[in-house]
PDB file of N, CA and C in Angstrom:
ATOM      1  N   MET A   1      48.430-145.372  54.476  1.00  0.00           N
ATOM      2  CA  MET A   1      47.946-144.267  55.505  1.00  0.00           C
ATOM      3  C   MET A   1      48.488-143.927  56.267  1.00  0.00           C
ATOM      4  N   PHE A   2      48.357-142.172  56.484  1.00  0.00           N
ATOM      5  CA  PHE A   2      49.181-141.691  57.370  1.00  0.00           C
ATOM      6  C   PHE A   2      48.306-141.318  58.388  1.00  0.00           C
ATOM      7  N   ARG A   3      48.818-140.857  59.657  1.00  0.00           N
ATOM      8  CA  ARG A   3      47.841-140.192  60.809  1.00  0.00           C
ATOM      9  C   ARG A   3      48.167-138.811  60.404  1.00  0.00           C
ATOM     10  N   LEU A   4      47.382-137.792  60.450  1.00  0.00           N
ATOM     11  CA  LEU A   4      47.667-136.706  60.651  1.00  0.00           C
ATOM     12  C   LEU A   4      47.008-136.119  61.461  1.00  0.00           C
ATOM     13  N   CYS A   5      47.424-135.046  62.444  1.00  0.00           N
ATOM     14  CA  CYS A   5      47.286-134.964  63.730  1.00  0.00           C
ATOM     15  C   CYS A   5      47.414-133.304  63.841  1.00  0.00           C
ATOM     16  N   LEU A   6      46.059-132.754  64.614  1.00  0.00           N
ATOM     17  CA  LEU A   6      46.314-131.441  64.208  1.00  0.00           C
ATOM     18  C   LEU A   6      45.670-130.698  65.778  1.00  0.00           C
ATOM     19  N   VAL A   7      46.632-129.717  66.618  1.00  0.00           N
ATOM     20  CA  VAL A   7      46.193-129.576  67.506  1.00  0.00           C
ATOM     21  C   VAL A   7      45.851-128.325  67.479  1.00  0.00           C
ATOM     22  N   PHE A   8      44.622-127.993  68.154  1.00  0.00           N
ATOM     23  CA  PHE A   8      43.921-126.495  68.109  1.00  0.00           C
ATOM     24  C   PHE A   8      44.043-125.978  69.582  1.00  0.00           C
ATOM     25  N   VAL A   9      44.365-124.789  69.832  1.00  0.00           N
ATOM     26  CA  VAL A   9      44.635-124.378  70.945  1.00  0.00           C
ATOM     27  C   VAL A   9      43.241-123.081  71.051  1.00  0.00           C
ATOM     28  N   ASN A  10      42.473-123.305  71.462  1.00  0.00           N
ATOM     29  CA  ASN A  10      41.504-122.402  72.057  1.00  0.00           C
ATOM     30  C   ASN A  10      42.251-121.550  73.037  1.00  0.00           C
ATOM     31  N   GLY A  11      41.620-119.688  73.246  1.00  0.00           N
ATOM     32  CA  GLY A  11      41.720-119.297  74.001  1.00  0.00           C
ATOM     33  C   GLY A  11      40.942-119.520  75.933  1.00  0.00           C
ATOM     34  N   LYS A  12      41.151-119.149  76.690  1.00  0.00           N
ATOM     35  CA  LYS A  12      41.322-119.502  78.079  1.00  0.00           C
ATOM     36  C   LYS A  12      39.532-119.726  78.197  1.00  0.00           C
ATOM     37  N   ILE A  13      39.203-120.750  78.926  1.00  0.00           N
ATOM     38  CA  ILE A  13      37.418-120.684  78.907  1.00  0.00           C
ATOM     39  C   ILE A  13      37.640-121.559  79.997  1.00  0.00           C
ATOM     40  N   GLY A  14      36.921-120.404  81.054  1.00  0.00           N
ATOM     41  CA  GLY A  14      36.962-120.945  82.469  1.00  0.00           C
ATOM     42  C   GLY A  14      38.225-121.203  83.150  1.00  0.00           C
ATOM     43  N   GLY A  15      39.203-120.500  82.561  1.00  0.00           N
ATOM     44  CA  GLY A  15      40.600-120.330  83.395  1.00  0.00           C
ATOM     45  C   GLY A  15      41.324-121.358  83.097  1.00  0.00           C
ATOM     46  N   LEU A  16      40.896-122.468  81.879  1.00  0.00           N
ATOM     47  CA  LEU A  16      41.814-123.640  81.472  1.00  0.00           C
ATOM     48  C   LEU A  16      41.750-122.782  80.133  1.00  0.00           C
ATOM     49  N   ASN A  17      43.064-123.956  79.717  1.00  0.00           N
ATOM     50  CA  ASN A  17      43.744-123.996  78.173  1.00  0.00           C
ATOM     51  C   ASN A  17      42.959-125.231  77.870  1.00  0.00           C
ATOM     52  N   ARG A  18      42.214-124.951  76.839  1.00  0.00           N
ATOM     53  CA  ARG A  18      41.495-125.883  75.799  1.00  0.00           C
ATOM     54  C   ARG A  18      42.281-126.383  74.926  1.00  0.00           C
ATOM     55  N   LYS A  19      42.475-127.887  74.940  1.00  0.00           N
ATOM     56  CA  LYS A  19      43.356-128.101  73.338  1.00  0.00           C
ATOM     57  C   LYS A  19      42.634-129.104  72.897  1.00  0.00           C
ATOM     58  N   ILE A  20      42.479-128.869  71.397  1.00  0.00           N
ATOM     59  CA  ILE A  20      41.611-129.767  70.459  1.00  0.00           C
ATOM     60  C   ILE A  20      42.444-130.376  69.849  1.00  0.00           C
ATOM     61  N   LYS A  21      42.192-132.036  69.658  1.00  0.00           N
ATOM     62  CA  LYS A  21      43.100-132.611  69.124  1.00  0.00           C
ATOM     63  C   LYS A  21      42.298-133.664  67.913  1.00  0.00           C
ATOM     64  N   MET A  22      42.671-133.256  66.736  1.00  0.00           N
ATOM     65  CA  MET A  22      41.693-134.199  65.510  1.00  0.00           C
ATOM     66  C   MET A  22      42.875-134.830  64.849  1.00  0.00           C
ATOM     67  N   LYS A  23      42.411-136.092  64.599  1.00  0.00           N
ATOM     68  CA  LYS A  23      43.068-137.045  64.172  1.00  0.00           C
ATOM     69  C   LYS A  23      42.562-137.428  62.531  1.00  0.00           C
ATOM     70  N   TYR A  24      43.505-137.358  61.580  1.00  0.00           N
ATOM     71  CA  TYR A  24      42.640-138.131  60.468  1.00  0.00           C
ATOM     72  C   TYR A  24      43.741-138.916  59.674  1.00  0.00           C
ATOM     73  N   GLN A  25      42.784-140.141  58.727  1.00  0.00           N
ATOM     74  CA  GLN A  25      44.073-140.764  58.323  1.00  0.00           C
ATOM     75  C   GLN A  25      43.860-140.468  56.690  1.00  0.00           C
ATOM     76  N   VAL A  26      44.968-139.751  55.897  1.00  0.00           N
ATOM     77  CA  VAL A  26      45.136-139.615  54.595  1.00  0.00           C
ATOM     78  C   VAL A  26      45.828-140.496  53.658  1.00  0.00           C
ATOM     79  N   SER A  27      46.120-140.800  52.577  1.00  0.00           N
ATOM     80  CA  SER A  27      47.033-141.542  52.019  1.00  0.00           C
ATOM     81  C   SER A  27      48.200-140.643  51.941  1.00  0.00           C
ATOM     82  N   GLU A  28      49.244-141.493  51.698  1.00  0.00           N
ATOM     83  CA  GLU A  28      50.739-140.660  51.549  1.00  0.00           C
ATOM     84  C   GLU A  28      50.673-139.554  50.890  1.00  0.00           C
ATOM     85  N   GLU A  29      50.273-139.635  49.539  1.00  0.00           N
ATOM     86  CA  GLU A  29      50.336-138.316  48.480  1.00  0.00           C
ATOM     87  C   GLU A  29      49.421-137.208  49.087  1.00  0.00           C
ATOM     88  N   ARG A  30      48.478-137.310  49.857  1.00  0.00           N
ATOM     89  CA  ARG A  30      47.862-136.368  50.409  1.00  0.00           C
ATOM     90  C   ARG A  30      48.878-135.544  51.761  1.00  0.00           C
ATOM     91  N   TYR A  31      49.249-136.849  52.172  1.00  0.00           N
ATOM     92  CA  TYR A  31      49.980-136.642  53.706  1.00  0.00           C
ATOM     93  C   TYR A  31      51.187-135.354  52.909  1.00  0.00           C
ATOM     94  N   LYS A  32      52.276-135.827  51.636  1.00  0.00           N
ATOM     95  CA  LYS A  32      53.082-134.626  51.768  1.00  0.00           C
ATOM     96  C   LYS A  32      52.317-133.861  50.917  1.00  0.00           C
ATOM     97  N   ILE A  33      51.513-133.594  49.785  1.00  0.00           N
ATOM     98  CA  ILE A  33      51.125-132.505  49.928  1.00  0.00           C
ATOM     99  C   ILE A  33      50.679-131.319  50.840  1.00  0.00           C
ATOM    100  N   LEU A  34      50.271-132.093  51.736  1.00  0.00           N
ATOM    101  CA  LEU A  34      49.857-131.342  53.085  1.00  0.00           C
ATOM    102  C   LEU A  34      51.169-130.428  53.561  1.00  0.00           C
ATOM    103  N   MET A  35      52.063-131.635  53.852  1.00  0.00           N
ATOM    104  CA  MET A  35      53.220-131.230  54.841  1.00  0.00           C
ATOM    105  C   MET A  35      53.723-130.239  54.354  1.00  0.00           C
ATOM    106  N   SER A  36      54.180-130.455  52.725  1.00  0.00           N
ATOM    107  CA  SER A  36      55.143-129.299  51.611  1.00  0.00           C
ATOM    108  C   SER A  36      54.503-128.463  51.785  1.00  0.00           C
ATOM    109  N   ARG A  37      53.031-127.828  51.927  1.00  0.00           N
ATOM    110  CA  ARG A  37      52.058-127.103  52.008  1.00  0.00           C
ATOM    111  C   ARG A  37      52.478-125.755  53.617  1.00  0.00           C
ATOM    112  N   TYR A  38      52.525-127.213  54.598  1.00  0.00           N
ATOM    113  CA  TYR A  38      52.871-126.659  55.974  1.00  0.00           C
ATOM    114  C   TYR A  38      54.106-126.102  56.352  1.00  0.00           C
ATOM    115  N   HIS A  39      54.929-126.418  55.440  1.00  0.00           N
ATOM    116  CA  HIS A  39      56.235-126.582  55.133  1.00  0.00           C
ATOM    117  C   HIS A  39      56.838-124.912  54.728  1.00  0.00           C
ATOM    118  N   GLU A  40      56.082-124.564  53.783  1.00  0.00           N
ATOM    119  CA  GLU A  40      56.621-122.864  53.316  1.00  0.00           C
ATOM    120  C   GLU A  40      55.337-122.403  53.891  1.00  0.00           C
ATOM    121  N   PHE A  41      54.536-123.190  54.280  1.00  0.00           N
ATOM    122  CA  PHE A  41      53.419-122.015  55.368  1.00  0.00           C
ATOM    123  C   PHE A  41      54.621-121.193  56.697  1.00  0.00           C
ATOM    124  N   VAL A  42      55.124-121.951  57.398  1.00  0.00           N
ATOM    125  CA  VAL A  42      56.030-121.664  58.681  1.00  0.00           C
ATOM    126  C   VAL A  42      57.098-120.824  58.004  1.00  0.00           C
ATOM    127  N   GLU A  43      57.652-121.154  56.500  1.00  0.00           N
ATOM    128  CA  GLU A  43      59.279-120.856  56.049  1.00  0.00           C
ATOM    129  C   GLU A  43      58.322-118.931  56.587  1.00  0.00           C
ATOM    130  N   GLY A  44      57.230-119.093  55.627  1.00  0.00           N
ATOM    131  CA  GLY A  44      57.003-117.769  55.049  1.00  0.00           C
ATOM    132  C   GLY A  44      56.443-116.631  56.524  1.00  0.00           C
ATOM    133  N   MET A  45      56.386-117.239  57.431  1.00  0.00           N
ATOM    134  CA  MET A  45      55.516-117.082  58.775  1.00  0.00           C
ATOM    135  C   MET A  45      56.229-115.542  59.321  1.00  0.00           C
ATOM    136  N   GLY A  46      57.789-115.642  58.921  1.00  0.00           N
ATOM    137  CA  GLY A  46      58.476-114.272  59.635  1.00  0.00           C
ATOM    138  C   GLY A  46      58.353-113.366  58.998  1.00  0.00           C
ATOM    139  N   HIS A  47      57.696-113.490  57.007  1.00  0.00           N
ATOM    140  CA  HIS A  47      57.783-112.547  56.369  1.00  0.00           C
ATOM    141  C   HIS A  47      56.823-111.786  55.956  1.00  0.00           C
ATOM    142  N   PRO A  48      56.458-110.812  56.728  1.00  0.00           N
ATOM    143  CA  PRO A  48      55.090-110.359  55.847  1.00  0.00           C
ATOM    144  C   PRO A  48      55.243-109.815  54.678  1.00  0.00           C
ATOM    145  N   ASP A  49      56.336-109.731  54.355  1.00  0.00           N
ATOM    146  CA  ASP A  49      55.659-109.013  52.548  1.00  0.00           C
ATOM    147  C   ASP A  49      55.571-110.055  51.780  1.00  0.00           C
ATOM    148  N   LYS A  50      55.144-111.694  52.245  1.00  0.00           N
ATOM    149  CA  LYS A  50      55.236-112.650  51.257  1.00  0.00           C
ATOM    150  C   LYS A  50      53.537-113.215  51.343  1.00  0.00           C
ATOM    151  N   ILE A  51      53.096-113.435  50.494  1.00  0.00           N
ATOM    152  CA  ILE A  51      51.895-113.732  50.225  1.00  0.00           C
ATOM    153  C   ILE A  51      51.555-115.485  51.119  1.00  0.00           C
ATOM    154  N   PRO A  52      50.601-115.499  52.170  1.00  0.00           N
ATOM    155  CA  PRO A  52      50.208-116.446  52.911  1.00  0.00           C
ATOM    156  C   PRO A  52      49.861-117.909  52.107  1.00  0.00           C
ATOM    157  N   VAL A  53      50.570-118.972  52.652  1.00  0.00           N
ATOM    158  CA  VAL A  53      50.448-119.914  51.936  1.00  0.00           C
ATOM    159  C   VAL A  53      49.254-120.720  52.253  1.00  0.00           C
ATOM    160  N   LYS A  54      48.224-121.538  51.388  1.00  0.00           N
ATOM    161  CA  LYS A  54      47.131-121.892  52.393  1.00  0.00           C
ATOM    162  C   LYS A  54      47.597-123.577  52.405  1.00  0.00           C
ATOM    163  N   VAL A  55      47.469-123.662  53.417  1.00  0.00           N
ATOM    164  CA  VAL A  55      47.622-125.660  53.609  1.00  0.00           C
ATOM    165  C   VAL A  55      46.588-126.205  53.169  1.00  0.00           C
ATOM    166  N   PHE A  56      45.466-125.948  53.855  1.00  0.00           N
ATOM    167  CA  PHE A  56      44.407-126.794  53.243  1.00  0.00           C
ATOM    168  C   PHE A  56      43.421-125.859  51.848  1.00  0.00           C
ATOM    169  N   ASP A  57      42.920-127.059  51.182  1.00  0.00           N
ATOM    170  CA  ASP A  57      41.972-126.603  49.808  1.00  0.00           C
ATOM    171  C   ASP A  57      40.865-126.041  50.315  1.00  0.00           C
ATOM    172  N   ALA A  58      40.275-124.889  49.644  1.00  0.00           N
ATOM    173  CA  ALA A  58      39.298-124.250  50.014  1.00  0.00           C
ATOM    174  C   ALA A  58      37.923-125.388  50.272  1.00  0.00           C
ATOM    175  N   LEU A  59      36.961-124.652  50.498  1.00  0.00           N
ATOM    176  CA  LEU A  59      35.679-126.286  50.997  1.00  0.00           C
ATOM    177  C   LEU A  59      34.903-125.646  49.877  1.00  0.00           C
ATOM    178  N   SER A  60      34.536-126.827  49.497  1.00  0.00           N
ATOM    179  CA  SER A  60      33.265-127.212  47.943  1.00  0.00           C
ATOM    180  C   SER A  60      31.797-126.161  48.891  1.00  0.00           C
ATOM    181  N   GLN A  61      31.085-125.781  47.375  1.00  0.00           N
ATOM    182  CA  GLN A  61      30.206-124.958  47.462  1.00  0.00           C
ATOM    183  C   GLN A  61      28.840-125.740  48.806  1.00  0.00           C
ATOM    184  N   LYS A  62      28.903-127.062  48.611  1.00  0.00           N
ATOM    185  CA  LYS A  62      27.994-128.102  49.301  1.00  0.00           C
ATOM    186  C   LYS A  62      28.791-127.515  50.817  1.00  0.00           C
ATOM    187  N   GLN A  63      29.804-127.776  51.095  1.00  0.00           N
ATOM    188  CA  GLN A  63      30.766-127.514  52.488  1.00  0.00           C
ATOM    189  C   GLN A  63      30.166-125.833  52.796  1.00  0.00           C
ATOM    190  N   ASN A  64      30.599-124.997  52.346  1.00  0.00           N
ATOM    191  CA  ASN A  64      29.953-123.852  52.523  1.00  0.00           C
ATOM    192  C   ASN A  64      28.633-123.504  52.864  1.00  0.00           C
ATOM    193  N   GLU A  65      27.694-124.422  52.414  1.00  0.00           N
ATOM    194  CA  GLU A  65      26.002-124.153  52.335  1.00  0.00           C
ATOM    195  C   GLU A  65      25.647-124.683  53.544  1.00  0.00           C
ATOM    196  N   GLU A  66      26.483-126.121  53.763  1.00  0.00           N
ATOM    197  CA  GLU A  66      26.937-126.343  55.235  1.00  0.00           C
ATOM    198  C   GLU A  66      26.810-125.640  56.740  1.00  0.00           C
ATOM    199  N   LEU A  67      27.921-124.939  56.502  1.00  0.00           N
ATOM    200  CA  LEU A  67      27.980-124.479  57.548  1.00  0.00           C
ATOM    201  C   LEU A  67      27.167-123.395  57.658  1.00  0.00           C
ATOM    202  N   LEU A  68      26.746-122.654  57.184  1.00  0.00           N
ATOM    203  CA  LEU A  68      25.899-121.887  57.179  1.00  0.00           C
ATOM    204  C   LEU A  68      24.818-122.010  57.696  1.00  0.00           C
ATOM    205  N   LEU A  69      24.078-123.391  57.165  1.00  0.00           N
ATOM    206  CA  LEU A  69      23.370-123.817  57.725  1.00  0.00           C
ATOM    207  C   LEU A  69      23.581-124.117  59.517  1.00  0.00           C
ATOM    208  N   ILE A  70      24.414-124.546  59.575  1.00  0.00           N
ATOM    209  CA  ILE A  70      25.108-125.525  60.807  1.00  0.00           C
ATOM    210  C   ILE A  70      24.887-123.653  61.552  1.00  0.00           C
ATOM    211  N   ARG A  71      25.582-122.503  61.524  1.00  0.00           N
ATOM    212  CA  ARG A  71      25.445-121.645  62.148  1.00  0.00           C
ATOM    213  C   ARG A  71      24.308-120.971  62.469  1.00  0.00           C
ATOM    214  N   ASP A  72      23.507-120.752  60.962  1.00  0.00           N
ATOM    215  CA  ASP A  72      21.961-120.483  61.551  1.00  0.00           C
ATOM    216  C   ASP A  72      21.245-120.681  62.629  1.00  0.00           C
ATOM    217  N   ILE A  73      21.548-122.699  62.853  1.00  0.00           N
ATOM    218  CA  ILE A  73      20.977-123.691  64.102  1.00  0.00           C
ATOM    219  C   ILE A  73      21.452-122.980  65.163  1.00  0.00           C
ATOM    220  N   SER A  74      22.794-123.229  65.559  1.00  0.00           N
ATOM    221  CA  SER A  74      23.607-122.710  66.280  1.00  0.00           C
ATOM    222  C   SER A  74      22.669-121.073  66.733  1.00  0.00           C
ATOM    223  N   ALA A  75      23.005-120.414  65.663  1.00  0.00           N
ATOM    224  CA  ALA A  75      22.315-118.722  66.514  1.00  0.00           C
ATOM    225  C   ALA A  75      20.831-119.137  66.888  1.00  0.00           C
ATOM    226  N   TYR A  76      19.932-119.593  66.249  1.00  0.00           N
ATOM    227  CA  TYR A  76      18.998-119.943  66.235  1.00  0.00           C
ATOM    228  C   TYR A  76      18.746-120.550  68.183  1.00  0.00           C
ATOM    229  N   LEU A  77      19.255-121.392  67.939  1.00  0.00           N
ATOM    230  CA  LEU A  77      19.254-122.343  69.531  1.00  0.00           C
ATOM    231  C   LEU A  77      19.762-121.740  70.600  1.00  0.00           C
ATOM    232  N   GLN A  78      20.823-120.910  70.408  1.00  0.00           N
ATOM    233  CA  GLN A  78      21.514-119.994  71.254  1.00  0.00           C
ATOM    234  C   GLN A  78      20.442-119.001  72.053  1.00  0.00           C
ATOM    235  N   LYS A  79      19.565-118.749  70.688  1.00  0.00           N
ATOM    236  CA  LYS A  79      18.849-117.087  71.198  1.00  0.00           C
ATOM    237  C   LYS A  79      17.742-118.042  71.782  1.00  0.00           C
ATOM    238  N   LYS A  80      17.173-119.103  71.877  1.00  0.00           N
ATOM    239  CA  LYS A  80      16.198-119.911  72.533  1.00  0.00           C
ATOM    240  C   LYS A  80      16.791-120.182  73.607  1.00  0.00           C
ATOM    241  N   LYS A  81      17.692-120.568  73.670  1.00  0.00           N
ATOM    242  CA  LYS A  81      18.391-121.108  75.233  1.00  0.00           C
ATOM    243  C   LYS A  81      18.649-119.618  75.817  1.00  0.00           C
ATOM    244  N   ASP A  82      18.740-118.452  75.340  1.00  0.00           N
ATOM    245  CA  ASP A  82      18.937-117.272  76.266  1.00  0.00           C
ATOM    246  C   ASP A  82      17.057-116.874  76.573  1.00  0.00           C
ATOM    247  N   ASN A  83      16.416-116.994  75.836  1.00  0.00           N
ATOM    248  CA  ASN A  83      15.096-117.111  76.308  1.00  0.00           C
ATOM    249  C   ASN A  83      14.618-117.437  76.966  1.00  0.00           C
ATOM    250  N   ASP A  84      14.553-119.017  77.430  1.00  0.00           N
ATOM    251  CA  ASP A  84      14.407-119.692  77.965  1.00  0.00           C
ATOM    252  C   ASP A  84      14.989-119.217  79.578  1.00  0.00           C
ATOM    253  N   ILE A  85      16.322-119.190  79.767  1.00  0.00           N
ATOM    254  CA  ILE A  85      16.977-118.726  80.951  1.00  0.00           C
ATOM    255  C   ILE A  85      16.511-117.561  81.520  1.00  0.00           C
ATOM    256  N   ALA A  86      15.993-116.494  80.645  1.00  0.00           N
ATOM    257  CA  ALA A  86      15.113-115.577  80.958  1.00  0.00           C
ATOM    258  C   ALA A  86      14.024-115.559  81.741  1.00  0.00           C
ATOM    259  N   LYS A  87      13.191-116.318  80.746  1.00  0.00           N
ATOM    260  CA  LYS A  87      12.182-116.427  81.547  1.00  0.00           C
ATOM    261  C   LYS A  87      12.396-117.115  82.801  1.00  0.00           C
ATOM    262  N   GLN A  88      13.127-118.388  83.048  1.00  0.00           N
ATOM    263  CA  GLN A  88      13.371-118.920  84.367  1.00  0.00           C
ATOM    264  C   GLN A  88      13.676-118.132  85.093  1.00  0.00           C
ATOM    265  N   ASN A  89      14.770-116.962  85.145  1.00  0.00           N
ATOM    266  CA  ASN A  89      14.683-116.221  86.183  1.00  0.00           C
ATOM    267  C   ASN A  89      13.707-115.305  86.527  1.00  0.00           C
ATOM    268  N   GLN A  90      13.287-114.796  85.295  1.00  0.00           N
ATOM    269  CA  GLN A  90      12.005-114.076  85.626  1.00  0.00           C
ATOM    270  C   GLN A  90      10.918-114.703  86.371  1.00  0.00           C
ATOM    271  N   THR A  91      10.492-116.279  86.235  1.00  0.00           N
ATOM    272  CA  THR A  91       9.639-117.001  87.103  1.00  0.00           C
ATOM    273  C   THR A  91      10.302-116.915  88.590  1.00  0.00           C
ATOM    274  N   GLU A  92      11.415-117.166  88.731  1.00  0.00           N
ATOM    275  CA  GLU A  92      11.809-117.318  89.695  1.00  0.00           C
ATOM    276  C   GLU A  92      11.905-115.825  90.916  1.00  0.00           C
ATOM    277  N   GLY A  93      12.254-114.933  89.771  1.00  0.00           N
ATOM    278  CA  GLY A  93      12.027-113.636  90.608  1.00  0.00           C
ATOM    279  C   GLY A  93      10.659-113.306  90.822  1.00  0.00           C
ATOM    280  N   THR A  94       9.508-113.727  90.295  1.00  0.00           N
ATOM    281  CA  THR A  94       8.143-113.671  91.003  1.00  0.00           C
ATOM    282  C   THR A  94       7.825-114.483  91.882  1.00  0.00           C
ATOM    283  N   ALA A  95       8.647-115.732  91.954  1.00  0.00           N
ATOM    284  CA  ALA A  95       8.167-116.547  93.058  1.00  0.00           C
ATOM    285  C   ALA A  95       9.203-116.143  94.569  1.00  0.00           C
ATOM    286  N   GLU A  96       9.720-115.397  94.356  1.00  0.00           N
ATOM    287  CA  GLU A  96      10.813-115.178  95.560  1.00  0.00           C
ATOM    288  C   GLU A  96      10.140-113.963  95.994  1.00  0.00           C
ATOM    289  N   LYS A  97       9.804-112.965  95.311  1.00  0.00           N
ATOM    290  CA  LYS A  97       8.765-112.062  95.264  1.00  0.00           C
ATOM    291  C   LYS A  97       7.368-112.136  96.180  1.00  0.00           C
ATOM    292  N   GLU A  98       6.690-113.323  95.913  1.00  0.00           N
ATOM    293  CA  GLU A  98       5.480-113.638  96.104  1.00  0.00           C
ATOM    294  C   GLU A  98       5.619-114.245  98.256  1.00  0.00           C
ATOM    295  N   GLU A  99       7.003-114.467  98.082  1.00  0.00           N
ATOM    296  CA  GLU A  99       7.176-115.135  99.212  1.00  0.00           C
ATOM    297  C   GLU A  99       8.286-114.670 100.102  1.00  0.00           C
ATOM    298  N   GLU A 100       8.553-113.352  99.537  1.00  0.00           N
ATOM    299  CA  GLU A 100       8.946-111.822 100.624  1.00  0.00           C
ATOM    300  C   GLU A 100       7.480-111.412 100.882  1.00  0.00           C
ATOM    301  N   THR A 101       5.888-111.201  99.955  1.00  0.00           N
ATOM    302  CA  THR A 101       5.219-110.681 100.456  1.00  0.00           C
ATOM    303  C   THR A 101       4.058-111.218 101.515  1.00  0.00           C
ATOM    304  N   LYS A 102       4.592-112.801 101.006  1.00  0.00           N
ATOM    305  CA  LYS A 102       3.715-113.658 102.173  1.00  0.00           C
ATOM    306  C   LYS A 102       4.447-113.318 103.743  1.00  0.00           C
ATOM    307  N   GLU A 103       6.015-113.773 103.493  1.00  0.00           N
ATOM    308  CA  GLU A 103       6.555-113.801 105.023  1.00  0.00           C
ATOM    309  C   GLU A 103       5.807-112.874 105.912  1.00  0.00           C
ATOM    310  N   PRO A 104       6.517-111.785 105.345  1.00  0.00           N
ATOM    311  CA  PRO A 104       5.500-110.740 106.842  1.00  0.00           C
ATOM    312  C   PRO A 104       4.123-110.722 106.931  1.00  0.00           C
ATOM    313  N   GLU A 105       3.550-111.074 106.267  1.00  0.00           N
ATOM    314  CA  GLU A 105       2.136-111.373 106.998  1.00  0.00           C
ATOM    315  C   GLU A 105       1.476-112.357 107.525  1.00  0.00           C
ATOM    316  N   GLU A 106       2.715-113.509 107.483  1.00  0.00           N
ATOM    317  CA  GLU A 106       2.580-114.552 108.874  1.00  0.00           C
ATOM    318  C   GLU A 106       3.283-114.299 110.108  1.00  0.00           C
ATOM    319  N   GLN A 107       4.119-113.314 110.101  1.00  0.00           N
ATOM    320  CA  GLN A 107       5.138-112.646 111.571  1.00  0.00           C
ATOM    321  C   GLN A 107       4.460-111.977 112.416  1.00  0.00           C
ATOM    322  N   LYS A 108       3.402-111.195 111.859  1.00  0.00           N
ATOM    323  CA  LYS A 108       2.472-110.063 111.922  1.00  0.00           C
ATOM    324  C   LYS A 108       1.441-110.874 113.549  1.00  0.00           C
ATOM    325  N   PRO A 109       1.736-110.618 114.484  1.00  0.00           N
ATOM    326  CA  PRO A 109       0.875-111.143 115.746  1.00  0.00           C
ATOM    327  C   PRO A 109      -0.621-110.863 115.344  1.00  0.00           C
ATOM    328  N   GLU A 110      -1.421-111.525 115.958  1.00  0.00           N
ATOM    329  CA  GLU A 110      -2.867-111.178 115.390  1.00  0.00           C
ATOM    330  C   GLU A 110      -3.525-110.987 117.006  1.00  0.00           C
TER     331      GLU A 110
END
């Protein structure tokens, strides 16, 4: 078994470069196939006239369906989070307005 290590660098998040390391155990045969594709990919990077080499195999239909489901659920949860934050901000805003209206009344001399 060979260890295949992939490092992805995302854009700046919060002022920091974020690196994600993923390690997989693969067979020697699979490792050789992936590395040969990778070397072809690297060789073709400087040549825009060459057809790009796909290093990894395409996803199966089931994997694509699972990805779509994950995206749909993530979008739903993000909307829910945004709505919850908006409601919280709204209730905090009304609470602040109530406090502002109460304070001047208390300060008036009787």
